[in-house]
PDB file of N, CA and C in Angstrom:
ATOM      1  N   UNK A   1       2.298-163.864 -46.545  1.00  0.00           N
ATOM      2  CA  UNK A   1       3.434-163.389 -46.765  1.00  0.00           C
ATOM      3  C   UNK A   1       4.017-163.540 -48.230  1.00  0.00           C
ATOM      4  N   UNK A   2       3.790-165.033 -48.207  1.00  0.00           N
ATOM      5  CA  UNK A   2       4.400-166.012 -49.651  1.00  0.00           C
ATOM      6  C   UNK A   2       3.425-165.513 -50.988  1.00  0.00           C
ATOM      7  N   UNK A   3       2.307-164.982 -50.523  1.00  0.00           N
ATOM      8  CA  UNK A   3       1.385-164.542 -51.865  1.00  0.00           C
ATOM      9  C   UNK A   3       1.901-163.174 -52.032  1.00  0.00           C
ATOM     10  N   UNK A   4       2.302-162.289 -51.356  1.00  0.00           N
ATOM     11  CA  UNK A   4       2.665-161.053 -51.542  1.00  0.00           C
ATOM     12  C   UNK A   4       4.050-160.692 -52.065  1.00  0.00           C
ATOM     13  N   UNK A   5       5.074-161.709 -51.611  1.00  0.00           N
ATOM     14  CA  UNK A   5       6.302-161.979 -52.456  1.00  0.00           C
ATOM     15  C   UNK A   5       6.162-162.653 -53.911  1.00  0.00           C
ATOM     16  N   UNK A   6       5.129-163.314 -54.068  1.00  0.00           N
ATOM     17  CA  UNK A   6       5.365-163.851 -55.261  1.00  0.00           C
ATOM     18  C   UNK A   6       4.658-163.439 -56.304  1.00  0.00           C
ATOM     19  N   UNK A   7       4.212-162.032 -55.841  1.00  0.00           N
ATOM     20  CA  UNK A   7       3.308-161.442 -57.126  1.00  0.00           C
ATOM     21  C   UNK A   7       4.153-160.388 -57.923  1.00  0.00           C
ATOM     22  N   UNK A   8       3.534-160.582 -59.045  1.00  0.00           N
ATOM     23  CA  UNK A   8       4.500-159.860 -60.461  1.00  0.00           C
ATOM     24  C   UNK A   8       5.108-158.385 -59.847  1.00  0.00           C
ATOM     25  N   UNK A   9       4.120-157.787 -59.502  1.00  0.00           N
ATOM     26  CA  UNK A   9       4.585-155.993 -58.986  1.00  0.00           C
ATOM     27  C   UNK A   9       5.986-156.295 -58.008  1.00  0.00           C
ATOM     28  N   UNK A  10       6.013-156.916 -57.195  1.00  0.00           N
ATOM     29  CA  UNK A  10       6.769-156.957 -56.071  1.00  0.00           C
ATOM     30  C   UNK A  10       8.212-157.687 -56.683  1.00  0.00           C
ATOM     31  N   UNK A  11       7.846-159.302 -57.037  1.00  0.00           N
ATOM     32  CA  UNK A  11       8.903-159.406 -57.939  1.00  0.00           C
ATOM     33  C   UNK A  11       9.728-158.392 -58.820  1.00  0.00           C
ATOM     34  N   UNK A  12       9.060-157.680 -59.762  1.00  0.00           N
ATOM     35  CA  UNK A  12      10.026-156.676 -60.723  1.00  0.00           C
ATOM     36  C   UNK A  12      10.288-155.949 -59.826  1.00  0.00           C
ATOM     37  N   UNK A  13       9.884-155.160 -58.612  1.00  0.00           N
ATOM     38  CA  UNK A  13      10.589-154.058 -58.210  1.00  0.00           C
ATOM     39  C   UNK A  13      11.580-154.831 -57.208  1.00  0.00           C
ATOM     40  N   UNK A  14      11.691-156.059 -56.559  1.00  0.00           N
ATOM     41  CA  UNK A  14      12.807-156.520 -55.993  1.00  0.00           C
ATOM     42  C   UNK A  14      13.927-156.973 -57.357  1.00  0.00           C
ATOM     43  N   UNK A  15      13.286-157.198 -58.390  1.00  0.00           N
ATOM     44  CA  UNK A  15      14.539-157.473 -59.300  1.00  0.00           C
ATOM     45  C   UNK A  15      15.272-156.114 -59.917  1.00  0.00           C
ATOM     46  N   UNK A  16      14.448-155.287 -59.858  1.00  0.00           N
ATOM     47  CA  UNK A  16      15.158-153.919 -60.464  1.00  0.00           C
ATOM     48  C   UNK A  16      15.745-152.993 -59.692  1.00  0.00           C
ATOM     49  N   UNK A  17      15.105-153.016 -58.152  1.00  0.00           N
ATOM     50  CA  UNK A  17      15.859-152.371 -57.125  1.00  0.00           C
ATOM     51  C   UNK A  17      17.196-152.740 -57.046  1.00  0.00           C
ATOM     52  N   UNK A  18      16.876-154.033 -56.504  1.00  0.00           N
ATOM     53  CA  UNK A  18      18.145-154.716 -56.096  1.00  0.00           C
ATOM     54  C   UNK A  18      19.581-154.680 -56.787  1.00  0.00           C
ATOM     55  N   UNK A  19      19.019-154.927 -58.575  1.00  0.00           N
ATOM     56  CA  UNK A  19      20.029-154.623 -59.722  1.00  0.00           C
ATOM     57  C   UNK A  19      20.560-153.481 -59.557  1.00  0.00           C
ATOM     58  N   UNK A  20      19.964-152.211 -59.585  1.00  0.00           N
ATOM     59  CA  UNK A  20      20.414-151.033 -59.174  1.00  0.00           C
ATOM     60  C   UNK A  20      21.432-150.910 -58.241  1.00  0.00           C
ATOM     61  N   UNK A  21      21.222-151.358 -56.895  1.00  0.00           N
ATOM     62  CA  UNK A  21      21.982-151.588 -55.930  1.00  0.00           C
ATOM     63  C   UNK A  21      23.403-152.298 -56.005  1.00  0.00           C
ATOM     64  N   UNK A  22      22.755-153.026 -56.582  1.00  0.00           N
ATOM     65  CA  UNK A  22      24.221-154.198 -56.859  1.00  0.00           C
ATOM     66  C   UNK A  22      25.018-153.490 -57.754  1.00  0.00           C
ATOM     67  N   UNK A  23      24.835-152.649 -58.738  1.00  0.00           N
ATOM     68  CA  UNK A  23      25.618-151.933 -59.692  1.00  0.00           C
ATOM     69  C   UNK A  23      26.182-150.842 -59.024  1.00  0.00           C
ATOM     70  N   UNK A  24      25.408-150.024 -58.178  1.00  0.00           N
ATOM     71  CA  UNK A  24      25.816-149.123 -57.989  1.00  0.00           C
ATOM     72  C   UNK A  24      26.820-148.959 -56.586  1.00  0.00           C
ATOM     73  N   UNK A  25      26.575-150.308 -55.719  1.00  0.00           N
ATOM     74  CA  UNK A  25      26.993-150.277 -54.498  1.00  0.00           C
ATOM     75  C   UNK A  25      28.732-150.108 -54.486  1.00  0.00           C
ATOM     76  N   UNK A  26      29.392-150.995 -55.274  1.00  0.00           N
ATOM     77  CA  UNK A  26      30.906-150.672 -55.138  1.00  0.00           C
ATOM     78  C   UNK A  26      31.648-149.336 -55.390  1.00  0.00           C
ATOM     79  N   UNK A  27      30.832-148.415 -55.999  1.00  0.00           N
ATOM     80  CA  UNK A  27      31.095-147.372 -56.486  1.00  0.00           C
ATOM     81  C   UNK A  27      30.656-146.147 -55.368  1.00  0.00           C
ATOM     82  N   UNK A  28      29.832-146.643 -54.476  1.00  0.00           N
ATOM     83  CA  UNK A  28      29.300-145.697 -53.507  1.00  0.00           C
ATOM     84  C   UNK A  28      30.149-145.909 -52.189  1.00  0.00           C
ATOM     85  N   UNK A  29      30.403-147.276 -52.102  1.00  0.00           N
ATOM     86  CA  UNK A  29      30.566-147.696 -50.511  1.00  0.00           C
ATOM     87  C   UNK A  29      32.145-148.529 -50.993  1.00  0.00           C
ATOM     88  N   UNK A  30      32.986-147.844 -50.140  1.00  0.00           N
ATOM     89  CA  UNK A  30      34.350-148.258 -50.261  1.00  0.00           C
ATOM     90  C   UNK A  30      34.750-149.621 -49.886  1.00  0.00           C
ATOM     91  N   UNK A  31      35.747-150.278 -50.434  1.00  0.00           N
ATOM     92  CA  UNK A  31      36.496-151.484 -50.093  1.00  0.00           C
ATOM     93  C   UNK A  31      35.189-152.999 -49.820  1.00  0.00           C
ATOM     94  N   UNK A  32      35.810-153.643 -49.044  1.00  0.00           N
ATOM     95  CA  UNK A  32      35.043-155.033 -49.289  1.00  0.00           C
ATOM     96  C   UNK A  32      33.555-154.684 -48.848  1.00  0.00           C
ATOM     97  N   UNK A  33      33.147-153.848 -47.839  1.00  0.00           N
ATOM     98  CA  UNK A  33      31.514-153.789 -47.504  1.00  0.00           C
ATOM     99  C   UNK A  33      30.771-153.449 -48.980  1.00  0.00           C
ATOM    100  N   UNK A  34      31.434-152.634 -49.985  1.00  0.00           N
ATOM    101  CA  UNK A  34      30.655-152.094 -51.112  1.00  0.00           C
ATOM    102  C   UNK A  34      30.352-153.754 -52.156  1.00  0.00           C
ATOM    103  N   UNK A  35      31.680-154.658 -52.280  1.00  0.00           N
ATOM    104  CA  UNK A  35      31.640-155.604 -52.755  1.00  0.00           C
ATOM    105  C   UNK A  35      30.449-156.793 -52.295  1.00  0.00           C
ATOM    106  N   UNK A  36      30.865-156.813 -51.145  1.00  0.00           N
ATOM    107  CA  UNK A  36      30.041-157.655 -50.135  1.00  0.00           C
ATOM    108  C   UNK A  36      28.157-157.311 -50.484  1.00  0.00           C
ATOM    109  N   UNK A  37      28.027-155.716 -50.304  1.00  0.00           N
ATOM    110  CA  UNK A  37      26.598-155.269 -50.649  1.00  0.00           C
ATOM    111  C   UNK A  37      26.251-155.824 -52.172  1.00  0.00           C
ATOM    112  N   UNK A  38      27.138-155.727 -52.822  1.00  0.00           N
ATOM    113  CA  UNK A  38      26.832-155.742 -54.241  1.00  0.00           C
ATOM    114  C   UNK A  38      26.536-157.470 -54.552  1.00  0.00           C
ATOM    115  N   UNK A  39      26.950-158.017 -53.646  1.00  0.00           N
ATOM    116  CA  UNK A  39      26.831-159.388 -54.198  1.00  0.00           C
ATOM    117  C   UNK A  39      25.532-160.015 -53.394  1.00  0.00           C
ATOM    118  N   UNK A  40      25.459-159.623 -52.534  1.00  0.00           N
ATOM    119  CA  UNK A  40      24.294-159.850 -51.745  1.00  0.00           C
ATOM    120  C   UNK A  40      22.808-159.242 -52.092  1.00  0.00           C
ATOM    121  N   UNK A  41      22.872-158.131 -52.990  1.00  0.00           N
ATOM    122  CA  UNK A  41      21.846-157.581 -53.536  1.00  0.00           C
ATOM    123  C   UNK A  41      22.062-158.134 -54.736  1.00  0.00           C
ATOM    124  N   UNK A  42      22.469-158.585 -55.609  1.00  0.00           N
ATOM    125  CA  UNK A  42      22.814-159.425 -56.907  1.00  0.00           C
ATOM    126  C   UNK A  42      22.097-160.728 -56.828  1.00  0.00           C
ATOM    127  N   UNK A  43      22.352-161.435 -55.467  1.00  0.00           N
ATOM    128  CA  UNK A  43      21.660-162.779 -55.335  1.00  0.00           C
ATOM    129  C   UNK A  43      20.195-162.065 -55.237  1.00  0.00           C
ATOM    130  N   UNK A  44      19.944-161.516 -54.253  1.00  0.00           N
ATOM    131  CA  UNK A  44      18.531-161.223 -54.059  1.00  0.00           C
ATOM    132  C   UNK A  44      17.823-160.754 -55.608  1.00  0.00           C
ATOM    133  N   UNK A  45      18.446-160.199 -56.403  1.00  0.00           N
ATOM    134  CA  UNK A  45      17.997-159.706 -57.826  1.00  0.00           C
ATOM    135  C   UNK A  45      17.836-161.102 -58.710  1.00  0.00           C
ATOM    136  N   UNK A  46      18.797-161.824 -58.488  1.00  0.00           N
ATOM    137  CA  UNK A  46      18.894-162.876 -59.636  1.00  0.00           C
ATOM    138  C   UNK A  46      17.790-163.708 -59.167  1.00  0.00           C
ATOM    139  N   UNK A  47      17.528-164.381 -57.901  1.00  0.00           N
ATOM    140  CA  UNK A  47      16.358-164.770 -57.148  1.00  0.00           C
ATOM    141  C   UNK A  47      14.870-164.245 -57.775  1.00  0.00           C
ATOM    142  N   UNK A  48      14.712-162.938 -57.554  1.00  0.00           N
ATOM    143  CA  UNK A  48      13.588-162.243 -58.128  1.00  0.00           C
ATOM    144  C   UNK A  48      13.335-162.413 -59.593  1.00  0.00           C
ATOM    145  N   UNK A  49      14.502-162.494 -60.489  1.00  0.00           N
ATOM    146  CA  UNK A  49      14.396-162.601 -61.738  1.00  0.00           C
ATOM    147  C   UNK A  49      13.982-163.834 -62.218  1.00  0.00           C
ATOM    148  N   UNK A  50      14.761-165.022 -61.634  1.00  0.00           N
ATOM    149  CA  UNK A  50      14.520-166.417 -61.750  1.00  0.00           C
ATOM    150  C   UNK A  50      12.762-166.585 -61.492  1.00  0.00           C
ATOM    151  N   UNK A  51      12.242-165.958 -60.374  1.00  0.00           N
ATOM    152  CA  UNK A  51      11.242-166.260 -60.143  1.00  0.00           C
ATOM    153  C   UNK A  51      10.037-165.473 -61.264  1.00  0.00           C
ATOM    154  N   UNK A  52      10.378-164.754 -61.512  1.00  0.00           N
ATOM    155  CA  UNK A  52       9.754-163.976 -62.663  1.00  0.00           C
ATOM    156  C   UNK A  52       9.763-164.958 -64.067  1.00  0.00           C
ATOM    157  N   UNK A  53      10.810-165.463 -64.317  1.00  0.00           N
ATOM    158  CA  UNK A  53      11.082-166.326 -65.564  1.00  0.00           C
ATOM    159  C   UNK A  53       9.982-167.799 -65.140  1.00  0.00           C
ATOM    160  N   UNK A  54      10.111-168.361 -64.141  1.00  0.00           N
ATOM    161  CA  UNK A  54       9.670-169.348 -63.262  1.00  0.00           C
ATOM    162  C   UNK A  54       8.158-169.068 -63.965  1.00  0.00           C
ATOM    163  N   UNK A  55       7.586-168.343 -63.133  1.00  0.00           N
ATOM    164  CA  UNK A  55       6.331-167.768 -63.369  1.00  0.00           C
ATOM    165  C   UNK A  55       5.747-167.767 -64.743  1.00  0.00           C
ATOM    166  N   UNK A  56       6.834-166.804 -65.908  1.00  0.00           N
ATOM    167  CA  UNK A  56       6.371-166.551 -67.049  1.00  0.00           C
ATOM    168  C   UNK A  56       6.088-168.230 -67.650  1.00  0.00           C
ATOM    169  N   UNK A  57       6.850-169.235 -67.118  1.00  0.00           N
ATOM    170  CA  UNK A  57       6.658-170.547 -67.934  1.00  0.00           C
ATOM    171  C   UNK A  57       5.555-171.344 -67.588  1.00  0.00           C
ATOM    172  N   UNK A  58       5.153-170.988 -65.987  1.00  0.00           N
ATOM    173  CA  UNK A  58       4.287-171.470 -65.646  1.00  0.00           C
ATOM    174  C   UNK A  58       2.634-170.933 -66.088  1.00  0.00           C
ATOM    175  N   UNK A  59       2.808-169.699 -66.712  1.00  0.00           N
ATOM    176  CA  UNK A  59       1.604-168.862 -67.429  1.00  0.00           C
ATOM    177  C   UNK A  59       1.208-169.578 -68.723  1.00  0.00           C
ATOM    178  N   UNK A  60       2.297-169.725 -69.517  1.00  0.00           N
ATOM    179  CA  UNK A  60       2.329-170.412 -70.893  1.00  0.00           C
ATOM    180  C   UNK A  60       1.797-171.631 -70.785  1.00  0.00           C
ATOM    181  N   UNK A  61       2.491-172.747 -70.033  1.00  0.00           N
ATOM    182  CA  UNK A  61       1.873-173.718 -69.863  1.00  0.00           C
ATOM    183  C   UNK A  61       0.549-174.107 -69.275  1.00  0.00           C
ATOM    184  N   UNK A  62      -0.004-172.800 -68.635  1.00  0.00           N
ATOM    185  CA  UNK A  62      -1.503-172.966 -68.350  1.00  0.00           C
ATOM    186  C   UNK A  62      -2.181-172.726 -69.788  1.00  0.00           C
ATOM    187  N   UNK A  63      -1.720-171.574 -70.220  1.00  0.00           N
ATOM    188  CA  UNK A  63      -2.555-171.194 -71.440  1.00  0.00           C
ATOM    189  C   UNK A  63      -2.856-172.247 -72.620  1.00  0.00           C
ATOM    190  N   UNK A  64      -1.629-173.028 -72.579  1.00  0.00           N
ATOM    191  CA  UNK A  64      -1.375-173.908 -73.603  1.00  0.00           C
ATOM    192  C   UNK A  64      -2.851-175.130 -73.084  1.00  0.00           C
ATOM    193  N   UNK A  65      -2.436-175.443 -71.806  1.00  0.00           N
ATOM    194  CA  UNK A  65      -3.507-176.446 -71.197  1.00  0.00           C
ATOM    195  C   UNK A  65      -4.924-175.834 -71.409  1.00  0.00           C
ATOM    196  N   UNK A  66      -5.270-174.819 -71.351  1.00  0.00           N
ATOM    197  CA  UNK A  66      -6.576-174.337 -71.303  1.00  0.00           C
ATOM    198  C   UNK A  66      -7.009-174.580 -72.796  1.00  0.00           C
ATOM    199  N   UNK A  67      -5.868-174.137 -73.807  1.00  0.00           N
ATOM    200  CA  UNK A  67      -6.374-174.190 -75.189  1.00  0.00           C
ATOM    201  C   UNK A  67      -6.668-175.484 -75.613  1.00  0.00           C
ATOM    202  N   UNK A  68      -6.131-176.504 -75.034  1.00  0.00           N
ATOM    203  CA  UNK A  68      -6.205-177.918 -75.535  1.00  0.00           C
ATOM    204  C   UNK A  68      -7.590-178.440 -74.868  1.00  0.00           C
ATOM    205  N   UNK A  69      -7.722-177.867 -73.623  1.00  0.00           N
ATOM    206  CA  UNK A  69      -9.116-178.377 -73.121  1.00  0.00           C
ATOM    207  C   UNK A  69     -10.237-177.852 -73.825  1.00  0.00           C
ATOM    208  N   UNK A  70     -10.254-176.840 -74.529  1.00  0.00           N
ATOM    209  CA  UNK A  70     -11.133-176.093 -75.046  1.00  0.00           C
ATOM    210  C   UNK A  70     -11.263-176.649 -76.486  1.00  0.00           C
ATOM    211  N   UNK A  71     -10.090-177.229 -77.290  1.00  0.00           N
ATOM    212  CA  UNK A  71     -10.258-178.031 -78.275  1.00  0.00           C
ATOM    213  C   UNK A  71     -10.657-179.466 -78.335  1.00  0.00           C
ATOM    214  N   UNK A  72     -10.533-179.709 -76.884  1.00  0.00           N
ATOM    215  CA  UNK A  72     -11.349-181.267 -76.627  1.00  0.00           C
ATOM    216  C   UNK A  72     -12.985-180.924 -76.821  1.00  0.00           C
ATOM    217  N   UNK A  73     -13.195-180.005 -75.677  1.00  0.00           N
ATOM    218  CA  UNK A  73     -14.484-179.802 -75.490  1.00  0.00           C
ATOM    219  C   UNK A  73     -15.208-179.634 -77.014  1.00  0.00           C
ATOM    220  N   UNK A  74     -14.679-178.906 -77.776  1.00  0.00           N
ATOM    221  CA  UNK A  74     -15.458-178.388 -79.005  1.00  0.00           C
ATOM    222  C   UNK A  74     -15.456-179.630 -79.913  1.00  0.00           C
ATOM    223  N   UNK A  75     -14.385-180.615 -79.968  1.00  0.00           N
ATOM    224  CA  UNK A  75     -14.620-181.937 -80.846  1.00  0.00           C
ATOM    225  C   UNK A  75     -15.345-182.716 -80.198  1.00  0.00           C
ATOM    226  N   UNK A  76     -15.592-182.635 -79.027  1.00  0.00           N
ATOM    227  CA  UNK A  76     -16.732-183.820 -78.337  1.00  0.00           C
ATOM    228  C   UNK A  76     -18.121-183.080 -78.576  1.00  0.00           C
ATOM    229  N   UNK A  77     -18.374-182.213 -78.815  1.00  0.00           N
ATOM    230  CA  UNK A  77     -19.329-181.048 -79.063  1.00  0.00           C
ATOM    231  C   UNK A  77     -19.968-181.814 -80.549  1.00  0.00           C
ATOM    232  N   UNK A  78     -19.137-181.530 -81.211  1.00  0.00           N
ATOM    233  CA  UNK A  78     -19.324-182.056 -83.075  1.00  0.00           C
ATOM    234  C   UNK A  78     -19.655-183.415 -83.081  1.00  0.00           C
TER     235      UNK A  78
END
């Protein structure tokens, strides 16, 4: 389940869908129920968005590490 929830397509879906619901909830549902729905969906959307940013930083770090490793191997061969 963790692998499914951490995949990029699922995170994008969670981020965008929950963001849309969080924005629309106060207009569709009246009173405190609409506000609490917006807050809850907003928290889920922020969590998914932060996970996307975290994954982006890890991907950049891995790319940099791989490039450094290739450069070191090329220097060792020469």
